[in-house]
């Protein structure tokens, strides 16, 4: 028996690789390094193979939260718990799930994104958890690879040369 079959997920082997992450619904607000999106199809199969419906799913090191979000959106468990130690990431989840999601969405949709405005906003000290959440999403969407660590560079040319504005915060109509 291989380690992957015994200790990770039943049915996972070299011929049964995870699907392309582009085919998985993107429910997280984060562009996230170290993401678990690749794990979603295997997670679904594993949960559905259980003999009883799980009461609780706990996602340690939640980060972008794709496992928790999948479990919640698809009703794969009765309750979902996200565990995140990083203060910035935790602030985003607290804001989204704690009653300030509309505030954050409006702030993101109305922010006039330029390299200068992003730099100015990210230099400010946040006055609240929801302001920290806004800055975290802004930094995640404008930093190389979504990296939040100190010293992470800002996107200059965007992904595939599409430019800063194409990979930043998408401009949606107020009706979306």
Protein backbone atom coordinates (compact mmCIF):
# COMPACT_ATOMS: atom_id res chain seq x y z
CA UNK A 1 0.00 0.00 0.00
CA UNK A 2 1.25 3.46 -0.79
CA UNK A 3 1.28 6.25 1.79
CA UNK A 4 -1.20 8.29 -0.28
CA UNK A 5 -3.72 5.45 -0.33
CA UNK A 6 -3.32 4.54 3.31
CA UNK A 7 -3.07 7.89 5.07
CA UNK A 8 -4.35 10.62 2.79
CA UNK A 9 -7.44 9.81 0.81
CA UNK A 10 -8.87 6.54 -0.43
CA UNK A 11 -8.45 6.10 -4.15
CA UNK A 12 -5.60 8.61 -4.55
CA UNK A 13 -2.77 7.21 -6.62
CA UNK A 14 -0.55 8.18 -9.55
CA UNK A 15 -3.27 7.48 -12.14
CA UNK A 16 -5.96 9.28 -10.16
CA UNK A 17 -4.51 12.78 -9.93
CA UNK A 18 -6.57 15.80 -8.81
CA UNK A 19 -8.31 17.71 -11.59
CA UNK A 20 -7.22 21.06 -12.96
CA UNK A 21 -7.97 23.74 -10.34
CA UNK A 22 -9.65 25.90 -13.00
CA UNK A 23 -12.54 23.39 -12.99
CA UNK A 24 -13.21 23.92 -9.26
CA UNK A 25 -15.57 26.77 -8.25
CA UNK A 26 -13.48 29.70 -7.02
CA UNK A 27 -15.31 30.66 -3.84
CA UNK A 28 -12.48 32.29 -1.92
CA UNK A 29 -11.66 36.00 -2.12
CA UNK A 30 -7.96 35.14 -2.09
CA UNK A 31 -5.37 34.48 -4.75
CA UNK A 32 -3.56 32.15 -2.44
CA UNK A 33 -0.13 30.54 -2.46
CA UNK A 34 -0.16 27.06 -1.00
CA UNK A 35 -3.86 26.75 -1.79
CA UNK A 36 -5.80 23.55 -1.40
CA UNK A 37 -8.04 23.97 -4.46
CA UNK A 38 -6.42 20.93 -6.06
CA UNK A 39 -7.71 18.87 -3.11
CA UNK A 40 -11.41 19.72 -3.57
CA UNK A 41 -12.37 16.82 -5.90
CA UNK A 42 -10.64 14.32 -3.62
CA UNK A 43 -12.21 15.91 -0.53
CA UNK A 44 -15.69 15.62 -2.11
CA UNK A 45 -15.12 11.96 -2.98
CA UNK A 46 -13.82 11.19 0.49
CA UNK A 47 -16.72 12.93 2.29
CA UNK A 48 -19.29 11.25 0.05
CA UNK A 49 -17.68 7.84 0.68
CA UNK A 50 -18.26 8.08 4.44
CA UNK A 51 -21.04 5.95 5.87
CA UNK A 52 -22.57 8.88 7.76
CA UNK A 53 -22.92 12.60 7.08
CA UNK A 54 -20.23 14.50 9.05
CA UNK A 55 -21.47 16.67 11.89
CA UNK A 56 -18.40 18.94 11.80
CA UNK A 57 -15.58 19.66 9.36
CA UNK A 58 -12.57 21.51 10.76
CA UNK A 59 -10.12 23.12 8.34
CA UNK A 60 -6.88 23.90 10.18
CA UNK A 61 -4.59 26.41 8.48
CA UNK A 62 -7.67 27.62 6.60
CA UNK A 63 -5.94 30.30 4.52
CA UNK A 64 -8.13 30.73 1.45
CA UNK A 65 -10.64 28.38 3.04
CA UNK A 66 -11.54 26.38 -0.05
CA UNK A 67 -12.21 23.16 1.86
CA UNK A 68 -14.45 24.91 4.40
CA UNK A 69 -16.24 26.86 1.69
CA UNK A 70 -16.81 23.73 -0.40
CA UNK A 71 -18.18 21.86 2.61
CA UNK A 72 -20.51 24.75 3.49
CA UNK A 73 -21.73 25.58 -0.05
CA UNK A 74 -22.30 21.93 -0.93
CA UNK A 75 -23.78 20.93 2.46
CA UNK A 76 -21.13 18.25 3.00
CA UNK A 77 -21.26 18.69 6.80
CA UNK A 78 -23.68 20.11 9.35
CA UNK A 79 -21.12 22.61 10.67
CA UNK A 80 -17.85 24.00 9.33
CA UNK A 81 -15.04 25.46 11.43
CA UNK A 82 -12.20 27.46 9.90
CA UNK A 83 -9.03 27.75 11.98
CA UNK A 84 -6.53 30.45 11.00
CA UNK A 85 -3.62 31.82 13.03
CA UNK A 86 -2.58 34.60 10.63
CA UNK A 87 -4.16 37.84 11.90
CA UNK A 88 -4.65 39.32 8.44
CA UNK A 89 -6.36 36.26 6.97
CA UNK A 90 -8.44 35.78 10.12
CA UNK A 91 -9.62 39.41 9.85
CA UNK A 92 -10.94 38.74 6.35
CA UNK A 93 -12.91 35.67 7.45
CA UNK A 94 -14.21 37.44 10.57
CA UNK A 95 -15.39 40.35 8.40
CA UNK A 96 -16.99 38.17 5.74
CA UNK A 97 -18.67 35.75 8.12
CA UNK A 98 -19.30 38.15 11.01
CA UNK A 99 -21.78 40.52 9.41
CA UNK A 100 -19.60 42.97 7.48
CA UNK A 101 -19.43 41.18 4.12
CA UNK A 102 -21.50 43.88 2.36
CA UNK A 103 -19.25 46.61 3.78
CA UNK A 104 -16.14 44.81 2.50
CA UNK A 105 -17.68 44.15 -0.93
CA UNK A 106 -18.69 47.80 -1.32
CA UNK A 107 -15.25 48.99 -0.19
CA UNK A 108 -13.58 46.71 -2.73
CA UNK A 109 -15.96 47.64 -5.55
CA UNK A 110 -15.63 51.38 -5.03
CA UNK A 111 -11.86 51.52 -4.42
CA UNK A 112 -10.13 53.37 -7.27
CA UNK A 113 -7.27 50.97 -7.88
CA UNK A 114 -4.01 52.44 -9.13
CA UNK A 115 -0.48 51.53 -8.10
CA UNK A 116 -0.33 54.79 -6.09
CA UNK A 117 -3.70 54.31 -4.36
CA UNK A 118 -2.82 50.73 -3.42
CA UNK A 119 0.53 51.82 -1.99
CA UNK A 120 -1.10 54.63 0.01
CA UNK A 121 -3.83 52.37 1.39
CA UNK A 122 -1.42 49.61 2.36
CA UNK A 123 0.83 52.10 4.21
CA UNK A 124 -2.00 53.07 6.58
CA UNK A 125 -2.46 51.50 10.00
CA UNK A 126 -5.89 49.87 10.03
CA UNK A 127 -8.25 51.29 12.66
CA UNK A 128 -10.51 48.22 12.80
CA UNK A 129 -10.63 44.51 11.96
CA UNK A 130 -12.69 45.20 8.86
CA UNK A 131 -10.18 47.81 7.64
CA UNK A 132 -7.45 45.21 8.17
CA UNK A 133 -9.59 42.79 6.13
CA UNK A 134 -9.85 45.32 3.28
CA UNK A 135 -6.09 45.93 3.29
CA UNK A 136 -5.45 42.18 3.35
CA UNK A 137 -7.60 41.49 0.28
CA UNK A 138 -6.08 44.51 -1.48
CA UNK A 139 -2.54 43.32 -0.74
CA UNK A 140 -3.39 39.75 -1.73
CA UNK A 141 -4.86 40.88 -5.05
CA UNK A 142 -1.99 43.25 -5.91
CA UNK A 143 1.08 41.39 -4.61
CA UNK A 144 3.11 38.96 -6.70
CA UNK A 145 1.43 35.57 -6.39
CA UNK A 146 -0.93 36.87 -3.70
CA UNK A 147 1.87 36.69 -1.13
CA UNK A 148 1.08 38.63 2.07
CA UNK A 149 4.51 38.39 3.73
CA UNK A 150 6.50 41.54 4.42
CA UNK A 151 8.61 42.48 1.45
CA UNK A 152 6.37 40.82 -1.14
CA UNK A 153 6.56 42.84 -4.34
CA UNK A 154 3.66 44.57 -6.03
CA UNK A 155 2.54 43.41 -9.45
CA UNK A 156 3.96 45.59 -12.21
CA UNK A 157 3.02 43.80 -15.39
CA UNK A 158 0.31 41.44 -14.19
CA UNK A 159 -0.14 37.82 -15.07
CA UNK A 160 0.73 37.06 -18.67
CA UNK A 161 1.46 40.76 -19.25
CA UNK A 162 -2.16 41.80 -18.68
CA UNK A 163 -1.21 44.67 -16.38
CA UNK A 164 -1.79 45.75 -12.79
CA UNK A 165 -5.49 46.52 -13.23
CA UNK A 166 -6.42 43.16 -14.76
CA UNK A 167 -5.20 41.13 -11.79
CA UNK A 168 -6.26 43.54 -9.08
CA UNK A 169 -9.76 43.92 -7.76
CA UNK A 170 -12.27 43.29 -10.52
CA UNK A 171 -14.67 46.13 -11.23
CA UNK A 172 -18.18 44.73 -11.08
CA UNK A 173 -21.39 46.54 -11.70
CA UNK A 174 -23.38 47.47 -8.61
CA UNK A 175 -25.99 44.87 -9.67
CA UNK A 176 -23.61 41.91 -9.43
